[in-house]
Amino acid sequence: MITMKDFKEVELKVGKVLSVEDHPNADKLMVLRVDLGEEQPRTLVAGLKDYYDAATLEGKQLVVVANLEPAQLRGVRSEGMLLAAQDGDKVVALTLDEEVAPGSPVL
């Protein structure tokens, strides 16, 4: 269990997917450029290739952990993590049902 104080440390924001490419060094990973309302878009690496094609993800608004320490994933720097739900073999990215400004906090 984590405390409410710990949970409040997680910065969840809305990110708008600007572009999606296949990861150059991994069969199941995609490289997304995501607008989080900052000066520059961020790069996120996500294991969604078995569940989504690029055209489906582009333009979607997703929930992103914005204050996660960056990590190198198979040679590509990932600057956050998108959230998804898994139900058996199905994985679904958490999206919004109404558009809001990129960078909006998730409460």
N, C-alpha and C. Protein backbone atom coordinates (compact mmCIF):
# COMPACT_ATOMS: atom_id res chain seq x y z
N MET A 1 0.84 -1.19 0.00
CA MET A 1 0.00 0.00 0.00
C MET A 1 0.88 1.25 0.00
N ILE A 2 0.40 2.27 -0.73
CA ILE A 2 1.08 3.55 -0.67
C ILE A 2 0.16 4.54 0.03
N THR A 3 0.75 5.58 0.55
CA THR A 3 -0.03 6.60 1.23
C THR A 3 -0.60 7.59 0.21
N MET A 4 -1.57 8.37 0.65
CA MET A 4 -2.11 9.43 -0.20
C MET A 4 -1.01 10.42 -0.56
N LYS A 5 -0.12 10.67 0.37
CA LYS A 5 1.01 11.57 0.11
C LYS A 5 1.86 11.03 -1.05
N ASP A 6 2.14 9.72 -1.01
CA ASP A 6 2.91 9.10 -2.10
C ASP A 6 2.17 9.22 -3.42
N PHE A 7 0.87 8.93 -3.41
CA PHE A 7 0.08 9.00 -4.64
C PHE A 7 0.09 10.40 -5.23
N LYS A 8 0.03 11.42 -4.38
CA LYS A 8 0.01 12.80 -4.85
C LYS A 8 1.33 13.20 -5.52
N GLU A 9 2.38 12.42 -5.31
CA GLU A 9 3.66 12.68 -5.95
C GLU A 9 3.64 12.30 -7.44
N VAL A 10 2.72 11.43 -7.83
CA VAL A 10 2.61 11.00 -9.23
C VAL A 10 1.88 12.10 -10.01
N GLU A 11 2.55 12.61 -11.04
CA GLU A 11 1.99 13.70 -11.84
C GLU A 11 1.36 13.12 -13.11
N LEU A 12 0.04 13.03 -13.10
CA LEU A 12 -0.69 12.51 -14.25
C LEU A 12 -1.19 13.70 -15.08
N LYS A 13 -0.89 13.66 -16.39
CA LYS A 13 -1.31 14.74 -17.30
C LYS A 13 -1.90 14.16 -18.56
N VAL A 14 -2.66 14.99 -19.24
CA VAL A 14 -3.21 14.63 -20.54
C VAL A 14 -2.15 14.94 -21.60
N GLY A 15 -1.90 13.94 -22.45
CA GLY A 15 -0.98 14.12 -23.55
C GLY A 15 -1.67 13.83 -24.87
N LYS A 16 -1.42 14.65 -25.88
CA LYS A 16 -1.99 14.44 -27.21
C LYS A 16 -0.91 13.83 -28.11
N VAL A 17 -1.22 12.68 -28.70
CA VAL A 17 -0.26 11.97 -29.56
C VAL A 17 -0.13 12.72 -30.88
N LEU A 18 1.09 13.18 -31.16
CA LEU A 18 1.36 13.91 -32.40
C LEU A 18 1.80 12.99 -33.53
N SER A 19 2.61 11.98 -33.17
CA SER A 19 3.09 11.04 -34.19
C SER A 19 3.44 9.72 -33.52
N VAL A 20 3.44 8.66 -34.34
CA VAL A 20 3.76 7.31 -33.86
C VAL A 20 4.62 6.63 -34.91
N GLU A 21 5.70 6.01 -34.46
CA GLU A 21 6.58 5.25 -35.35
C GLU A 21 6.89 3.91 -34.70
N ASP A 22 7.25 2.94 -35.52
CA ASP A 22 7.75 1.69 -34.98
C ASP A 22 9.10 1.94 -34.33
N HIS A 23 9.36 1.25 -33.23
CA HIS A 23 10.66 1.33 -32.57
C HIS A 23 11.69 0.68 -33.49
N PRO A 24 12.86 1.31 -33.69
CA PRO A 24 13.83 0.75 -34.63
C PRO A 24 14.50 -0.54 -34.14
N ASN A 25 14.44 -0.84 -32.84
CA ASN A 25 15.16 -1.99 -32.29
C ASN A 25 14.28 -2.95 -31.50
N ALA A 26 12.96 -2.89 -31.70
CA ALA A 26 12.07 -3.77 -30.93
C ALA A 26 10.80 -4.03 -31.71
N ASP A 27 10.39 -5.28 -31.76
CA ASP A 27 9.21 -5.67 -32.54
C ASP A 27 7.88 -5.23 -31.92
N LYS A 28 7.82 -5.12 -30.59
CA LYS A 28 6.55 -4.85 -29.93
C LYS A 28 6.40 -3.41 -29.43
N LEU A 29 7.43 -2.59 -29.63
CA LEU A 29 7.41 -1.23 -29.10
C LEU A 29 7.12 -0.20 -30.19
N MET A 30 6.50 0.91 -29.76
CA MET A 30 6.25 2.06 -30.62
C MET A 30 6.88 3.28 -29.97
N VAL A 31 7.25 4.24 -30.80
CA VAL A 31 7.81 5.50 -30.32
C VAL A 31 6.80 6.59 -30.63
N LEU A 32 6.31 7.23 -29.58
CA LEU A 32 5.28 8.27 -29.73
C LEU A 32 5.87 9.63 -29.40
N ARG A 33 5.49 10.66 -30.16
CA ARG A 33 5.78 12.05 -29.82
C ARG A 33 4.47 12.58 -29.24
N VAL A 34 4.55 13.11 -28.01
CA VAL A 34 3.34 13.48 -27.28
C VAL A 34 3.44 14.92 -26.78
N ASP A 35 2.40 15.70 -27.02
CA ASP A 35 2.29 17.07 -26.54
C ASP A 35 1.70 17.04 -25.14
N LEU A 36 2.51 17.47 -24.16
CA LEU A 36 2.05 17.58 -22.77
C LEU A 36 1.89 19.04 -22.35
N GLY A 37 1.72 19.92 -23.33
CA GLY A 37 1.53 21.34 -23.02
C GLY A 37 2.82 22.03 -22.65
N GLU A 38 3.94 21.42 -22.97
CA GLU A 38 5.26 21.99 -22.67
C GLU A 38 5.84 22.61 -23.93
N GLU A 39 7.00 23.25 -23.80
CA GLU A 39 7.64 23.90 -24.94
C GLU A 39 7.93 22.91 -26.07
N GLN A 40 8.39 21.71 -25.72
CA GLN A 40 8.72 20.68 -26.70
C GLN A 40 7.91 19.41 -26.42
N PRO A 41 7.48 18.71 -27.46
CA PRO A 41 6.83 17.41 -27.24
C PRO A 41 7.81 16.43 -26.59
N ARG A 42 7.26 15.42 -25.94
CA ARG A 42 8.08 14.38 -25.33
C ARG A 42 8.02 13.12 -26.17
N THR A 43 9.07 12.31 -26.00
CA THR A 43 9.11 10.99 -26.62
C THR A 43 8.72 9.96 -25.57
N LEU A 44 7.78 9.11 -25.91
CA LEU A 44 7.40 7.99 -25.04
C LEU A 44 7.54 6.70 -25.83
N VAL A 45 8.09 5.70 -25.19
CA VAL A 45 8.19 4.37 -25.79
C VAL A 45 7.14 3.51 -25.10
N ALA A 46 6.31 2.85 -25.89
CA ALA A 46 5.20 2.07 -25.33
C ALA A 46 5.08 0.73 -26.04
N GLY A 47 4.74 -0.29 -25.29
CA GLY A 47 4.56 -1.64 -25.83
C GLY A 47 3.16 -1.86 -26.35
N LEU A 48 2.77 -1.08 -27.32
CA LEU A 48 1.40 -1.14 -27.84
C LEU A 48 1.28 -1.70 -29.25
N LYS A 49 2.38 -2.08 -29.85
CA LYS A 49 2.37 -2.47 -31.27
C LYS A 49 1.45 -3.65 -31.56
N ASP A 50 1.31 -4.56 -30.61
CA ASP A 50 0.41 -5.71 -30.82
C ASP A 50 -1.07 -5.32 -30.68
N TYR A 51 -1.35 -4.11 -30.20
CA TYR A 51 -2.73 -3.73 -29.88
C TYR A 51 -3.24 -2.54 -30.69
N TYR A 52 -2.34 -1.72 -31.22
CA TYR A 52 -2.73 -0.52 -31.96
C TYR A 52 -1.87 -0.37 -33.20
N ASP A 53 -2.44 0.29 -34.22
CA ASP A 53 -1.60 0.74 -35.32
C ASP A 53 -1.40 2.25 -35.15
N ALA A 54 -0.41 2.78 -35.83
CA ALA A 54 -0.04 4.19 -35.66
C ALA A 54 -1.21 5.12 -35.94
N ALA A 55 -1.96 4.86 -37.00
CA ALA A 55 -3.05 5.75 -37.39
C ALA A 55 -4.13 5.84 -36.31
N THR A 56 -4.35 4.76 -35.58
CA THR A 56 -5.36 4.75 -34.53
C THR A 56 -4.93 5.62 -33.34
N LEU A 57 -3.64 5.61 -33.03
CA LEU A 57 -3.15 6.37 -31.87
C LEU A 57 -2.96 7.85 -32.15
N GLU A 58 -2.59 8.20 -33.38
CA GLU A 58 -2.32 9.61 -33.69
C GLU A 58 -3.55 10.46 -33.45
N GLY A 59 -3.36 11.56 -32.72
CA GLY A 59 -4.44 12.48 -32.41
C GLY A 59 -5.18 12.16 -31.13
N LYS A 60 -4.98 10.96 -30.57
CA LYS A 60 -5.67 10.60 -29.32
C LYS A 60 -5.08 11.36 -28.15
N GLN A 61 -5.92 11.58 -27.15
CA GLN A 61 -5.47 12.13 -25.89
C GLN A 61 -5.37 10.99 -24.90
N LEU A 62 -4.19 10.85 -24.27
CA LEU A 62 -3.90 9.76 -23.36
C LEU A 62 -3.55 10.28 -21.99
N VAL A 63 -3.62 9.42 -20.99
CA VAL A 63 -3.17 9.75 -19.64
C VAL A 63 -1.71 9.32 -19.53
N VAL A 64 -0.86 10.26 -19.10
CA VAL A 64 0.59 10.05 -19.06
C VAL A 64 1.12 10.35 -17.66
N VAL A 65 2.03 9.50 -17.18
CA VAL A 65 2.79 9.80 -15.96
C VAL A 65 3.91 10.73 -16.42
N ALA A 66 3.82 12.00 -16.03
CA ALA A 66 4.71 13.02 -16.57
C ALA A 66 6.00 13.20 -15.76
N ASN A 67 6.02 12.75 -14.52
CA ASN A 67 7.21 12.98 -13.70
C ASN A 67 7.99 11.70 -13.42
N LEU A 68 7.87 10.74 -14.29
CA LEU A 68 8.64 9.51 -14.19
C LEU A 68 10.05 9.77 -14.70
N GLU A 69 11.04 9.22 -14.02
CA GLU A 69 12.42 9.39 -14.46
C GLU A 69 12.58 8.81 -15.87
N PRO A 70 13.22 9.56 -16.79
CA PRO A 70 13.44 9.04 -18.14
C PRO A 70 14.22 7.73 -18.12
N ALA A 71 13.96 6.90 -19.14
CA ALA A 71 14.63 5.60 -19.23
C ALA A 71 14.97 5.31 -20.69
N GLN A 72 16.04 4.59 -20.91
CA GLN A 72 16.42 4.13 -22.25
C GLN A 72 15.75 2.77 -22.47
N LEU A 73 14.91 2.68 -23.49
CA LEU A 73 14.24 1.43 -23.81
C LEU A 73 14.69 0.98 -25.19
N ARG A 74 15.56 -0.01 -25.18
CA ARG A 74 16.13 -0.55 -26.42
C ARG A 74 16.75 0.56 -27.27
N GLY A 75 17.45 1.49 -26.59
CA GLY A 75 18.20 2.53 -27.29
C GLY A 75 17.45 3.82 -27.55
N VAL A 76 16.18 3.93 -27.15
CA VAL A 76 15.41 5.15 -27.34
C VAL A 76 15.01 5.69 -25.96
N ARG A 77 15.26 6.97 -25.74
CA ARG A 77 14.93 7.60 -24.46
C ARG A 77 13.42 7.82 -24.36
N SER A 78 12.82 7.30 -23.29
CA SER A 78 11.41 7.48 -23.02
C SER A 78 11.25 8.46 -21.87
N GLU A 79 10.45 9.51 -22.08
CA GLU A 79 10.32 10.61 -21.13
C GLU A 79 8.97 10.65 -20.44
N GLY A 80 8.44 9.50 -20.13
CA GLY A 80 7.16 9.39 -19.45
C GLY A 80 6.58 8.02 -19.72
N MET A 81 5.38 7.79 -19.20
CA MET A 81 4.72 6.50 -19.41
C MET A 81 3.23 6.74 -19.60
N LEU A 82 2.68 6.18 -20.68
CA LEU A 82 1.24 6.28 -20.83
C LEU A 82 0.59 5.16 -20.03
N LEU A 83 -0.63 5.37 -19.62
CA LEU A 83 -1.35 4.37 -18.84
C LEU A 83 -2.29 3.57 -19.74
N ALA A 84 -2.41 2.30 -19.42
CA ALA A 84 -3.28 1.40 -20.18
C ALA A 84 -3.87 0.38 -19.22
N ALA A 85 -4.98 -0.20 -19.61
CA ALA A 85 -5.62 -1.27 -18.84
C ALA A 85 -5.44 -2.58 -19.60
N GLN A 86 -5.29 -3.67 -18.83
CA GLN A 86 -5.16 -4.98 -19.45
C GLN A 86 -6.25 -5.90 -18.94
N ASP A 87 -6.91 -6.57 -19.89
CA ASP A 87 -7.96 -7.54 -19.58
C ASP A 87 -7.64 -8.79 -20.38
N GLY A 88 -6.96 -9.73 -19.75
CA GLY A 88 -6.53 -10.93 -20.47
C GLY A 88 -5.54 -10.55 -21.54
N ASP A 89 -5.86 -10.87 -22.80
CA ASP A 89 -4.99 -10.55 -23.93
C ASP A 89 -5.23 -9.16 -24.51
N LYS A 90 -6.20 -8.45 -23.99
CA LYS A 90 -6.55 -7.12 -24.51
C LYS A 90 -5.87 -6.04 -23.68
N VAL A 91 -5.25 -5.07 -24.37
CA VAL A 91 -4.65 -3.91 -23.73
C VAL A 91 -5.27 -2.66 -24.36
N VAL A 92 -5.75 -1.75 -23.50
CA VAL A 92 -6.44 -0.55 -23.97
C VAL A 92 -5.82 0.68 -23.31
N ALA A 93 -5.32 1.59 -24.13
CA ALA A 93 -4.75 2.84 -23.62
C ALA A 93 -5.85 3.67 -22.98
N LEU A 94 -5.54 4.32 -21.86
CA LEU A 94 -6.52 5.18 -21.19
C LEU A 94 -6.63 6.49 -21.96
N THR A 95 -7.82 6.75 -22.47
CA THR A 95 -8.07 7.95 -23.26
C THR A 95 -9.17 8.78 -22.59
N LEU A 96 -9.40 9.97 -23.12
CA LEU A 96 -10.44 10.84 -22.60
C LEU A 96 -11.66 10.79 -23.51
N ASP A 97 -12.83 10.98 -22.94
CA ASP A 97 -14.03 10.97 -23.77
C ASP A 97 -14.40 12.37 -24.25
N GLU A 98 -13.65 13.37 -23.81
CA GLU A 98 -13.86 14.74 -24.25
C GLU A 98 -12.50 15.40 -24.31
N GLU A 99 -12.28 16.25 -25.33
CA GLU A 99 -10.97 16.87 -25.50
C GLU A 99 -10.74 17.98 -24.48
N VAL A 100 -9.51 17.99 -23.94
CA VAL A 100 -9.05 19.06 -23.04
C VAL A 100 -7.67 19.48 -23.53
N ALA A 101 -7.15 20.56 -22.98
CA ALA A 101 -5.85 21.06 -23.40
C ALA A 101 -4.74 20.08 -23.02
N PRO A 102 -3.77 19.85 -23.92
CA PRO A 102 -2.63 19.01 -23.56
C PRO A 102 -1.94 19.58 -22.33
N GLY A 103 -1.53 18.71 -21.42
CA GLY A 103 -0.90 19.13 -20.17
C GLY A 103 -1.87 19.30 -19.03
N SER A 104 -3.16 19.20 -19.31
CA SER A 104 -4.15 19.32 -18.23
C SER A 104 -3.90 18.25 -17.19
N PRO A 105 -3.97 18.60 -15.90
CA PRO A 105 -3.74 17.59 -14.87
C PRO A 105 -4.90 16.59 -14.80
N VAL A 106 -4.55 15.36 -14.51
CA VAL A 106 -5.56 14.32 -14.26
C VAL A 106 -5.74 14.25 -12.75
N LEU A 107 -6.96 14.47 -12.30
CA LEU A 107 -7.24 14.54 -10.85
C LEU A 107 -7.75 13.23 -10.33
